[in-house]
Amino acid sequence: MLKIEKGEKTSGIEAIAAALCQVKNRREMEQFLGEVLTPAERYDLALRWELMRRLNTGMPQRQIASDLKISLCKITRGAKVLKNSESISRKLLTEKKS
């Protein structure tokens, strides 16, 4: 049985990444995420992406926290990710803006 430790790179995460890379289009990705994630997990993932999207537009952190009804801690983590010049999330959001 595969044991996955929090914060640890595992073959399980690598396998999921490989599976995600094989998805061909948005419809298939939505279906795949619906199959492997619970509704709560999909909500949390969508919320995380929305807060990062808003941060990327320059929206103030307190405004995001108020609008999305989440803590500033979650927003601070997202801001830290986007400040990293090597961030894939930052790259994806920046490309989407263009």
PDB file of N, CA and C in Angstrom:
ATOM      1  N   MET A   1       0.844  -1.190   0.000  1.00  0.00           N
ATOM      2  CA  MET A   1       0.000   0.000   0.000  1.00  0.00           C
ATOM      3  C   MET A   1       0.886   1.249   0.000  1.00  0.00           C
ATOM      4  N   LEU A   2       0.506   2.234  -0.770  1.00  0.00           N
ATOM      5  CA  LEU A   2       1.249   3.481  -0.887  1.00  0.00           C
ATOM      6  C   LEU A   2       1.037   4.345   0.347  1.00  0.00           C
ATOM      7  N   LYS A   3       2.102   4.794   0.945  1.00  0.00           N
ATOM      8  CA  LYS A   3       2.008   5.685   2.098  1.00  0.00           C
ATOM      9  C   LYS A   3       2.431   7.078   1.652  1.00  0.00           C
ATOM     10  N   ILE A   4       1.546   8.050   1.825  1.00  0.00           N
ATOM     11  CA  ILE A   4       1.839   9.428   1.431  1.00  0.00           C
ATOM     12  C   ILE A   4       1.922  10.285   2.682  1.00  0.00           C
ATOM     13  N   GLU A   5       3.062  10.877   2.913  1.00  0.00           N
ATOM     14  CA  GLU A   5       3.272  11.775   4.044  1.00  0.00           C
ATOM     15  C   GLU A   5       3.001  13.197   3.600  1.00  0.00           C
ATOM     16  N   LYS A   6       2.408  13.984   4.478  1.00  0.00           N
ATOM     17  CA  LYS A   6       2.156  15.390   4.174  1.00  0.00           C
ATOM     18  C   LYS A   6       3.460  16.108   3.870  1.00  0.00           C
ATOM     19  N   GLY A   7       3.462  16.875   2.772  1.00  0.00           N
ATOM     20  CA  GLY A   7       4.629  17.673   2.438  1.00  0.00           C
ATOM     21  C   GLY A   7       5.779  16.897   1.819  1.00  0.00           C
ATOM     22  N   GLU A   8       5.611  15.619   1.624  1.00  0.00           N
ATOM     23  CA  GLU A   8       6.696  14.785   1.105  1.00  0.00           C
ATOM     24  C   GLU A   8       6.417  14.436  -0.351  1.00  0.00           C
ATOM     25  N   LYS A   9       7.436  14.525  -1.180  1.00  0.00           N
ATOM     26  CA  LYS A   9       7.287  14.113  -2.577  1.00  0.00           C
ATOM     27  C   LYS A   9       7.217  12.589  -2.593  1.00  0.00           C
ATOM     28  N   THR A  10       6.166  12.063  -3.208  1.00  0.00           N
ATOM     29  CA  THR A  10       5.980  10.618  -3.228  1.00  0.00           C
ATOM     30  C   THR A  10       5.729  10.138  -4.635  1.00  0.00           C
ATOM     31  N   SER A  11       5.863   8.839  -4.826  1.00  0.00           N
ATOM     32  CA  SER A  11       5.538   8.276  -6.133  1.00  0.00           C
ATOM     33  C   SER A  11       4.048   8.453  -6.426  1.00  0.00           C
ATOM     34  N   GLY A  12       3.221   8.558  -5.394  1.00  0.00           N
ATOM     35  CA  GLY A  12       1.787   8.808  -5.584  1.00  0.00           C
ATOM     36  C   GLY A  12       1.538  10.157  -6.231  1.00  0.00           C
ATOM     37  N   ILE A  13       2.207  11.192  -5.756  1.00  0.00           N
ATOM     38  CA  ILE A  13       2.069  12.523  -6.341  1.00  0.00           C
ATOM     39  C   ILE A  13       2.631  12.525  -7.758  1.00  0.00           C
ATOM     40  N   GLU A  14       3.731  11.845  -7.944  1.00  0.00           N
ATOM     41  CA  GLU A  14       4.315  11.757  -9.286  1.00  0.00           C
ATOM     42  C   GLU A  14       3.355  11.055 -10.243  1.00  0.00           C
ATOM     43  N   ALA A  15       2.673  10.028  -9.779  1.00  0.00           N
ATOM     44  CA  ALA A  15       1.716   9.308 -10.617  1.00  0.00           C
ATOM     45  C   ALA A  15       0.526  10.195 -10.980  1.00  0.00           C
ATOM     46  N   ILE A  16       0.055  10.974 -10.026  1.00  0.00           N
ATOM     47  CA  ILE A  16      -1.054  11.895 -10.298  1.00  0.00           C
ATOM     48  C   ILE A  16      -0.614  12.950 -11.313  1.00  0.00           C
ATOM     49  N   ALA A  17       0.588  13.498 -11.136  1.00  0.00           N
ATOM     50  CA  ALA A  17       1.102  14.490 -12.079  1.00  0.00           C
ATOM     51  C   ALA A  17       1.198  13.905 -13.483  1.00  0.00           C
ATOM     52  N   ALA A  18       1.662  12.681 -13.577  1.00  0.00           N
ATOM     53  CA  ALA A  18       1.760  12.022 -14.884  1.00  0.00           C
ATOM     54  C   ALA A  18       0.374  11.834 -15.502  1.00  0.00           C
ATOM     55  N   ALA A  19      -0.603  11.449 -14.684  1.00  0.00           N
ATOM     56  CA  ALA A  19      -1.968  11.276 -15.189  1.00  0.00           C
ATOM     57  C   ALA A  19      -2.532  12.609 -15.679  1.00  0.00           C
ATOM     58  N   LEU A  20      -2.316  13.671 -14.910  1.00  0.00           N
ATOM     59  CA  LEU A  20      -2.803  14.996 -15.310  1.00  0.00           C
ATOM     60  C   LEU A  20      -2.188  15.434 -16.634  1.00  0.00           C
ATOM     61  N   CYS A  21      -0.935  15.119 -16.840  1.00  0.00           N
ATOM     62  CA  CYS A  21      -0.253  15.494 -18.081  1.00  0.00           C
ATOM     63  C   CYS A  21      -0.819  14.755 -19.293  1.00  0.00           C
ATOM     64  N   GLN A  22      -1.483  13.631 -19.077  1.00  0.00           N
ATOM     65  CA  GLN A  22      -2.053  12.863 -20.182  1.00  0.00           C
ATOM     66  C   GLN A  22      -3.432  13.354 -20.612  1.00  0.00           C
ATOM     67  N   VAL A  23      -4.067  14.194 -19.788  1.00  0.00           N
ATOM     68  CA  VAL A  23      -5.399  14.686 -20.123  1.00  0.00           C
ATOM     69  C   VAL A  23      -5.296  15.614 -21.331  1.00  0.00           C
ATOM     70  N   LYS A  24      -6.188  15.411 -22.297  1.00  0.00           N
ATOM     71  CA  LYS A  24      -6.064  16.090 -23.579  1.00  0.00           C
ATOM     72  C   LYS A  24      -6.780  17.435 -23.685  1.00  0.00           C
ATOM     73  N   ASN A  25      -7.860  17.643 -22.925  1.00  0.00           N
ATOM     74  CA  ASN A  25      -8.623  18.886 -23.081  1.00  0.00           C
ATOM     75  C   ASN A  25      -9.379  19.223 -21.800  1.00  0.00           C
ATOM     76  N   ARG A  26      -9.993  20.396 -21.802  1.00  0.00           N
ATOM     77  CA  ARG A  26     -10.689  20.897 -20.614  1.00  0.00           C
ATOM     78  C   ARG A  26     -11.819  19.970 -20.169  1.00  0.00           C
ATOM     79  N   ARG A  27     -12.597  19.467 -21.092  1.00  0.00           N
ATOM     80  CA  ARG A  27     -13.711  18.586 -20.736  1.00  0.00           C
ATOM     81  C   ARG A  27     -13.211  17.335 -20.023  1.00  0.00           C
ATOM     82  N   GLU A  28     -12.143  16.738 -20.555  1.00  0.00           N
ATOM     83  CA  GLU A  28     -11.567  15.550 -19.916  1.00  0.00           C
ATOM     84  C   GLU A  28     -10.996  15.891 -18.544  1.00  0.00           C
ATOM     85  N   MET A  29     -10.372  17.062 -18.419  1.00  0.00           N
ATOM     86  CA  MET A  29      -9.807  17.459 -17.129  1.00  0.00           C
ATOM     87  C   MET A  29     -10.911  17.640 -16.099  1.00  0.00           C
ATOM     88  N   GLU A  30     -12.011  18.295 -16.496  1.00  0.00           N
ATOM     89  CA  GLU A  30     -13.130  18.466 -15.570  1.00  0.00           C
ATOM     90  C   GLU A  30     -13.691  17.119 -15.140  1.00  0.00           C
ATOM     91  N   GLN A  31     -13.809  16.201 -16.086  1.00  0.00           N
ATOM     92  CA  GLN A  31     -14.307  14.863 -15.761  1.00  0.00           C
ATOM     93  C   GLN A  31     -13.342  14.144 -14.815  1.00  0.00           C
ATOM     94  N   PHE A  32     -12.053  14.197 -15.118  1.00  0.00           N
ATOM     95  CA  PHE A  32     -11.046  13.538 -14.272  1.00  0.00           C
ATOM     96  C   PHE A  32     -11.093  14.096 -12.852  1.00  0.00           C
ATOM     97  N   LEU A  33     -11.113  15.423 -12.728  1.00  0.00           N
ATOM     98  CA  LEU A  33     -11.153  16.025 -11.388  1.00  0.00           C
ATOM     99  C   LEU A  33     -12.429  15.638 -10.649  1.00  0.00           C
ATOM    100  N   GLY A  34     -13.537  15.541 -11.375  1.00  0.00           N
ATOM    101  CA  GLY A  34     -14.796  15.105 -10.766  1.00  0.00           C
ATOM    102  C   GLY A  34     -14.744  13.664 -10.288  1.00  0.00           C
ATOM    103  N   GLU A  35     -13.949  12.863 -10.974  1.00  0.00           N
ATOM    104  CA  GLU A  35     -13.840  11.448 -10.609  1.00  0.00           C
ATOM    105  C   GLU A  35     -12.916  11.215  -9.415  1.00  0.00           C
ATOM    106  N   VAL A  36     -11.855  12.011  -9.290  1.00  0.00           N
ATOM    107  CA  VAL A  36     -10.866  11.733  -8.239  1.00  0.00           C
ATOM    108  C   VAL A  36     -10.994  12.630  -7.009  1.00  0.00           C
ATOM    109  N   LEU A  37     -11.709  13.743  -7.132  1.00  0.00           N
ATOM    110  CA  LEU A  37     -11.848  14.649  -5.995  1.00  0.00           C
ATOM    111  C   LEU A  37     -13.286  14.640  -5.483  1.00  0.00           C
ATOM    112  N   THR A  38     -13.420  14.795  -4.177  1.00  0.00           N
ATOM    113  CA  THR A  38     -14.752  14.939  -3.592  1.00  0.00           C
ATOM    114  C   THR A  38     -15.262  16.347  -3.899  1.00  0.00           C
ATOM    115  N   PRO A  39     -16.570  16.593  -3.751  1.00  0.00           N
ATOM    116  CA  PRO A  39     -17.069  17.955  -3.957  1.00  0.00           C
ATOM    117  C   PRO A  39     -16.347  18.983  -3.070  1.00  0.00           C
ATOM    118  N   ALA A  40     -16.043  18.622  -1.838  1.00  0.00           N
ATOM    119  CA  ALA A  40     -15.340  19.544  -0.937  1.00  0.00           C
ATOM    120  C   ALA A  40     -13.926  19.831  -1.431  1.00  0.00           C
ATOM    121  N   GLU A  41     -13.254  18.805  -1.937  1.00  0.00           N
ATOM    122  CA  GLU A  41     -11.897  18.993  -2.471  1.00  0.00           C
ATOM    123  C   GLU A  41     -11.921  19.871  -3.720  1.00  0.00           C
ATOM    124  N   ARG A  42     -12.924  19.664  -4.584  1.00  0.00           N
ATOM    125  CA  ARG A  42     -13.043  20.506  -5.784  1.00  0.00           C
ATOM    126  C   ARG A  42     -13.313  21.945  -5.393  1.00  0.00           C
ATOM    127  N   TYR A  43     -14.166  22.163  -4.385  1.00  0.00           N
ATOM    128  CA  TYR A  43     -14.450  23.514  -3.907  1.00  0.00           C
ATOM    129  C   TYR A  43     -13.181  24.178  -3.373  1.00  0.00           C
ATOM    130  N   ASP A  44     -12.437  23.459  -2.544  1.00  0.00           N
ATOM    131  CA  ASP A  44     -11.205  24.013  -1.975  1.00  0.00           C
ATOM    132  C   ASP A  44     -10.187  24.361  -3.052  1.00  0.00           C
ATOM    133  N   LEU A  45     -10.052  23.496  -4.039  1.00  0.00           N
ATOM    134  CA  LEU A  45      -9.119  23.749  -5.133  1.00  0.00           C
ATOM    135  C   LEU A  45      -9.548  24.971  -5.942  1.00  0.00           C
ATOM    136  N   ALA A  46     -10.837  25.055  -6.249  1.00  0.00           N
ATOM    137  CA  ALA A  46     -11.355  26.206  -7.005  1.00  0.00           C
ATOM    138  C   ALA A  46     -11.187  27.497  -6.202  1.00  0.00           C
ATOM    139  N   LEU A  47     -11.417  27.433  -4.895  1.00  0.00           N
ATOM    140  CA  LEU A  47     -11.247  28.606  -4.044  1.00  0.00           C
ATOM    141  C   LEU A  47      -9.794  29.057  -4.013  1.00  0.00           C
ATOM    142  N   ARG A  48      -8.872  28.118  -3.906  1.00  0.00           N
ATOM    143  CA  ARG A  48      -7.437  28.440  -3.898  1.00  0.00           C
ATOM    144  C   ARG A  48      -7.049  29.124  -5.208  1.00  0.00           C
ATOM    145  N   TRP A  49      -7.526  28.589  -6.318  1.00  0.00           N
ATOM    146  CA  TRP A  49      -7.182  29.174  -7.610  1.00  0.00           C
ATOM    147  C   TRP A  49      -7.803  30.570  -7.761  1.00  0.00           C
ATOM    148  N   GLU A  50      -9.035  30.743  -7.285  1.00  0.00           N
ATOM    149  CA  GLU A  50      -9.691  32.051  -7.371  1.00  0.00           C
ATOM    150  C   GLU A  50      -8.950  33.098  -6.553  1.00  0.00           C
ATOM    151  N   LEU A  51      -8.491  32.740  -5.355  1.00  0.00           N
ATOM    152  CA  LEU A  51      -7.764  33.731  -4.557  1.00  0.00           C
ATOM    153  C   LEU A  51      -6.450  34.100  -5.239  1.00  0.00           C
ATOM    154  N   MET A  52      -5.794  33.129  -5.856  1.00  0.00           N
ATOM    155  CA  MET A  52      -4.546  33.432  -6.558  1.00  0.00           C
ATOM    156  C   MET A  52      -4.810  34.263  -7.811  1.00  0.00           C
ATOM    157  N   ARG A  53      -5.905  33.977  -8.492  1.00  0.00           N
ATOM    158  CA  ARG A  53      -6.280  34.765  -9.666  1.00  0.00           C
ATOM    159  C   ARG A  53      -6.521  36.225  -9.273  1.00  0.00           C
ATOM    160  N   ARG A  54      -7.231  36.414  -8.173  1.00  0.00           N
ATOM    161  CA  ARG A  54      -7.505  37.785  -7.704  1.00  0.00           C
ATOM    162  C   ARG A  54      -6.233  38.482  -7.246  1.00  0.00           C
ATOM    163  N   LEU A  55      -5.371  37.771  -6.544  1.00  0.00           N
ATOM    164  CA  LEU A  55      -4.087  38.360  -6.156  1.00  0.00           C
ATOM    165  C   LEU A  55      -3.306  38.818  -7.381  1.00  0.00           C
ATOM    166  N   ASN A  56      -3.332  38.004  -8.405  1.00  0.00           N
ATOM    167  CA  ASN A  56      -2.592  38.308  -9.622  1.00  0.00           C
ATOM    168  C   ASN A  56      -3.112  39.557 -10.338  1.00  0.00           C
ATOM    169  N   THR A  57      -4.386  39.891 -10.118  1.00  0.00           N
ATOM    170  CA  THR A  57      -4.945  41.105 -10.726  1.00  0.00           C
ATOM    171  C   THR A  57      -4.608  42.348  -9.916  1.00  0.00           C
ATOM    172  N   GLY A  58      -4.021  42.134  -8.728  1.00  0.00           N
ATOM    173  CA  GLY A  58      -3.664  43.268  -7.884  1.00  0.00           C
ATOM    174  C   GLY A  58      -4.703  43.614  -6.828  1.00  0.00           C
ATOM    175  N   MET A  59      -5.724  42.801  -6.703  1.00  0.00           N
ATOM    176  CA  MET A  59      -6.754  43.047  -5.698  1.00  0.00           C
ATOM    177  C   MET A  59      -6.135  42.973  -4.305  1.00  0.00           C
ATOM    178  N   PRO A  60      -6.479  43.897  -3.405  1.00  0.00           N
ATOM    179  CA  PRO A  60      -5.932  43.881  -2.042  1.00  0.00           C
ATOM    180  C   PRO A  60      -6.311  42.602  -1.283  1.00  0.00           C
ATOM    181  N   GLN A  61      -5.378  42.131  -0.470  1.00  0.00           N
ATOM    182  CA  GLN A  61      -5.580  40.887   0.270  1.00  0.00           C
ATOM    183  C   GLN A  61      -6.801  40.933   1.185  1.00  0.00           C
ATOM    184  N   ARG A  62      -6.990  42.044   1.862  1.00  0.00           N
ATOM    185  CA  ARG A  62      -8.150  42.156   2.766  1.00  0.00           C
ATOM    186  C   ARG A  62      -9.469  42.093   1.994  1.00  0.00           C
ATOM    187  N   GLN A  63      -9.492  42.661   0.810  1.00  0.00           N
ATOM    188  CA  GLN A  63     -10.683  42.610  -0.042  1.00  0.00           C
ATOM    189  C   GLN A  63     -10.983  41.168  -0.449  1.00  0.00           C
ATOM    190  N   ILE A  64      -9.938  40.438  -0.833  1.00  0.00           N
ATOM    191  CA  ILE A  64     -10.105  39.038  -1.219  1.00  0.00           C
ATOM    192  C   ILE A  64     -10.628  38.228  -0.040  1.00  0.00           C
ATOM    193  N   ALA A  65     -10.035  38.435   1.131  1.00  0.00           N
ATOM    194  CA  ALA A  65     -10.457  37.715   2.336  1.00  0.00           C
ATOM    195  C   ALA A  65     -11.931  37.976   2.629  1.00  0.00           C
ATOM    196  N   SER A  66     -12.332  39.223   2.503  1.00  0.00           N
ATOM    197  CA  SER A  66     -13.718  39.592   2.762  1.00  0.00           C
ATOM    198  C   SER A  66     -14.659  38.998   1.714  1.00  0.00           C
ATOM    199  N   ASP A  67     -14.315  39.140   0.444  1.00  0.00           N
ATOM    200  CA  ASP A  67     -15.166  38.642  -0.637  1.00  0.00           C
ATOM    201  C   ASP A  67     -15.322  37.124  -0.593  1.00  0.00           C
ATOM    202  N   LEU A  68     -14.225  36.415  -0.355  1.00  0.00           N
ATOM    203  CA  LEU A  68     -14.254  34.956  -0.393  1.00  0.00           C
ATOM    204  C   LEU A  68     -14.500  34.316   0.975  1.00  0.00           C
ATOM    205  N   LYS A  69     -14.544  35.173   2.009  1.00  0.00           N
ATOM    206  CA  LYS A  69     -14.779  34.696   3.382  1.00  0.00           C
ATOM    207  C   LYS A  69     -13.739  33.656   3.800  1.00  0.00           C
ATOM    208  N   ILE A  70     -12.469  34.034   3.616  1.00  0.00           N
ATOM    209  CA  ILE A  70     -11.353  33.177   4.007  1.00  0.00           C
ATOM    210  C   ILE A  70     -10.358  33.989   4.823  1.00  0.00           C
ATOM    211  N   SER A  71      -9.461  33.292   5.500  1.00  0.00           N
ATOM    212  CA  SER A  71      -8.493  33.959   6.358  1.00  0.00           C
ATOM    213  C   SER A  71      -7.377  34.597   5.543  1.00  0.00           C
ATOM    214  N   LEU A  72      -6.771  35.610   6.135  1.00  0.00           N
ATOM    215  CA  LEU A  72      -5.617  36.248   5.507  1.00  0.00           C
ATOM    216  C   LEU A  72      -4.443  35.282   5.401  1.00  0.00           C
ATOM    217  N   CYS A  73      -4.375  34.276   6.268  1.00  0.00           N
ATOM    218  CA  CYS A  73      -3.289  33.285   6.198  1.00  0.00           C
ATOM    219  C   CYS A  73      -3.293  32.556   4.862  1.00  0.00           C
ATOM    220  N   LYS A  74      -4.479  32.168   4.398  1.00  0.00           N
ATOM    221  CA  LYS A  74      -4.566  31.488   3.103  1.00  0.00           C
ATOM    222  C   LYS A  74      -4.122  32.419   1.980  1.00  0.00           C
ATOM    223  N   ILE A  75      -4.476  33.674   2.106  1.00  0.00           N
ATOM    224  CA  ILE A  75      -4.124  34.639   1.070  1.00  0.00           C
ATOM    225  C   ILE A  75      -2.634  34.933   1.092  1.00  0.00           C
ATOM    226  N   THR A  76      -2.060  35.000   2.273  1.00  0.00           N
ATOM    227  CA  THR A  76      -0.622  35.238   2.399  1.00  0.00           C
ATOM    228  C   THR A  76       0.162  34.119   1.735  1.00  0.00           C
ATOM    229  N   ARG A  77      -0.286  32.884   1.901  1.00  0.00           N
ATOM    230  CA  ARG A  77       0.385  31.749   1.257  1.00  0.00           C
ATOM    231  C   ARG A  77       0.331  31.892  -0.257  1.00  0.00           C
ATOM    232  N   GLY A  78      -0.831  32.247  -0.787  1.00  0.00           N
ATOM    233  CA  GLY A  78      -0.973  32.448  -2.229  1.00  0.00           C
ATOM    234  C   GLY A  78      -0.093  33.578  -2.730  1.00  0.00           C
ATOM    235  N   ALA A  79      -0.005  34.662  -1.957  1.00  0.00           N
ATOM    236  CA  ALA A  79       0.834  35.802  -2.342  1.00  0.00           C
ATOM    237  C   ALA A  79       2.301  35.397  -2.386  1.00  0.00           C
ATOM    238  N   LYS A  80       2.713  34.581  -1.432  1.00  0.00           N
ATOM    239  CA  LYS A  80       4.099  34.114  -1.395  1.00  0.00           C
ATOM    240  C   LYS A  80       4.423  33.283  -2.636  1.00  0.00           C
ATOM    241  N   VAL A  81       3.488  32.423  -3.025  1.00  0.00           N
ATOM    242  CA  VAL A  81       3.687  31.604  -4.221  1.00  0.00           C
ATOM    243  C   VAL A  81       3.843  32.498  -5.447  1.00  0.00           C
ATOM    244  N   LEU A  82       2.997  33.513  -5.564  1.00  0.00           N
ATOM    245  CA  LEU A  82       3.028  34.378  -6.745  1.00  0.00           C
ATOM    246  C   LEU A  82       4.241  35.302  -6.787  1.00  0.00           C
ATOM    247  N   LYS A  83       4.858  35.559  -5.645  1.00  0.00           N
ATOM    248  CA  LYS A  83       6.072  36.393  -5.620  1.00  0.00           C
ATOM    249  C   LYS A  83       7.297  35.630  -6.116  1.00  0.00           C
ATOM    250  N   ASN A  84       7.220  34.321  -6.101  1.00  0.00           N
ATOM    251  CA  ASN A  84       8.334  33.483  -6.534  1.00  0.00           C
ATOM    252  C   ASN A  84       8.424  33.514  -8.063  1.00  0.00           C
ATOM    253  N   SER A  85       9.530  33.993  -8.592  1.00  0.00           N
ATOM    254  CA  SER A  85       9.683  34.099 -10.046  1.00  0.00           C
ATOM    255  C   SER A  85       9.693  32.737 -10.735  1.00  0.00           C
ATOM    256  N   GLU A  86       9.913  31.666  -9.985  1.00  0.00           N
ATOM    257  CA  GLU A  86       9.920  30.307 -10.542  1.00  0.00           C
ATOM    258  C   GLU A  86       8.549  29.624 -10.449  1.00  0.00           C
ATOM    259  N   SER A  87       7.552  30.324  -9.938  1.00  0.00           N
ATOM    260  CA  SER A  87       6.236  29.734  -9.688  1.00  0.00           C
ATOM    261  C   SER A  87       5.507  29.385 -10.987  1.00  0.00           C
ATOM    262  N   ILE A  88       5.059  28.146 -11.085  1.00  0.00           N
ATOM    263  CA  ILE A  88       4.256  27.717 -12.226  1.00  0.00           C
ATOM    264  C   ILE A  88       2.887  28.393 -12.171  1.00  0.00           C
ATOM    265  N   SER A  89       2.329  28.542 -10.975  1.00  0.00           N
ATOM    266  CA  SER A  89       1.041  29.222 -10.834  1.00  0.00           C
ATOM    267  C   SER A  89       1.136  30.642 -11.383  1.00  0.00           C
ATOM    268  N   ARG A  90       2.189  31.331 -11.019  1.00  0.00           N
ATOM    269  CA  ARG A  90       2.411  32.695 -11.509  1.00  0.00           C
ATOM    270  C   ARG A  90       2.499  32.702 -13.036  1.00  0.00           C
ATOM    271  N   LYS A  91       3.222  31.754 -13.578  1.00  0.00           N
ATOM    272  CA  LYS A  91       3.387  31.659 -15.033  1.00  0.00           C
ATOM    273  C   LYS A  91       2.029  31.437 -15.700  1.00  0.00           C
ATOM    274  N   LEU A  92       1.251  30.507 -15.178  1.00  0.00           N
ATOM    275  CA  LEU A  92      -0.067  30.213 -15.756  1.00  0.00           C
ATOM    276  C   LEU A  92      -0.989  31.426 -15.696  1.00  0.00           C
ATOM    277  N   LEU A  93      -0.984  32.113 -14.557  1.00  0.00           N
ATOM    278  CA  LEU A  93      -1.854  33.286 -14.417  1.00  0.00           C
ATOM    279  C   LEU A  93      -1.389  34.449 -15.288  1.00  0.00           C
ATOM    280  N   THR A  94      -0.108  34.600 -15.442  1.00  0.00           N
ATOM    281  CA  THR A  94       0.438  35.678 -16.265  1.00  0.00           C
ATOM    282  C   THR A  94       0.145  35.412 -17.735  1.00  0.00           C
ATOM    283  N   GLU A  95       0.309  34.164 -18.173  1.00  0.00           N
ATOM    284  CA  GLU A  95       0.005  33.805 -19.561  1.00  0.00           C
ATOM    285  C   GLU A  95      -1.473  33.993 -19.858  1.00  0.00           C
ATOM    286  N   LYS A  96      -2.320  33.685 -18.881  1.00  0.00           N
ATOM    287  CA  LYS A  96      -3.759  33.815 -19.055  1.00  0.00           C
ATOM    288  C   LYS A  96      -4.154  35.271 -19.236  1.00  0.00           C
ATOM    289  N   LYS A  97      -3.447  36.202 -18.550  1.00  0.00           N
ATOM    290  CA  LYS A  97      -3.719  37.630 -18.658  1.00  0.00           C
ATOM    291  C   LYS A  97      -3.460  38.153 -20.061  1.00  0.00           C
ATOM    292  N   SER A  98      -2.423  37.627 -20.699  1.00  0.00           N
ATOM    293  CA  SER A  98      -1.997  38.130 -22.006  1.00  0.00           C
ATOM    294  C   SER A  98      -3.006  37.880 -23.091  1.00  0.00           C
TER     295      SER A  98
END
